[in-house]
């Protein structure tokens, strides 16, 4: 179990790096959580600091999920695994998904910023690219279509989170495509989708009430 604990802790620490908070404090001298929506995610950085800072934060947060899934999962992985696998799931895919989930949890509840982080969409996207690039591509397309149509990042993010397991289900059960580790991916992607929807619960409330803010232009940070 030591190997598993090590990769989980490393993934959580990587996910916990508060990119937006570090950028806003070190360069602009304020806590990004005191401006805009009060969230420490890339969307609020786009809104408050502009597209260059927003793009940097999103790219870094995306890399956190990808590195946790593709690199950290392999650093200490033992082919024998530290437990007897009684499940029908592929061994290494389980480790990848656990590491990716740990990275997302670290981003949402970062230990370096009072457990108040972002929504986890960019980090979750990095994880999904690492385990299922086809489904990731379709989910990314859904995000951009919804965002361009409605200008709500939150709505696009929620739609993309739902699109991933939906795409897996359709490919495997309707089109008969062979999807490696399907049983693992469909269960974990549903769990990730639920987690990301939960992290957007306030956005969902504002969308229903019609008070959610669109991404239109940068606001003055002064």
Foldseek 3Di string as FASTA:
>chain_A
DVLLVVLLVVLLQLLQPLLQQCCCCVPVNDGLLVDDPSASALVSCCAAVNDVSSVVRLVSLLVSLQCSQAPSLPPRDDPVDPDDDPDPFDVSNVSSLSSSVSSQCCQCQPPVPNGHHHLSQSSNLSSCCNQPVVLSVVLVVQLVVVCVVPQANLVSSLSSLVSSLVVLCCVCPPVNDDDHRSVVVNVSSVVVSVSSVVSCVVVVVCVVVVNGDGSDHHDHND
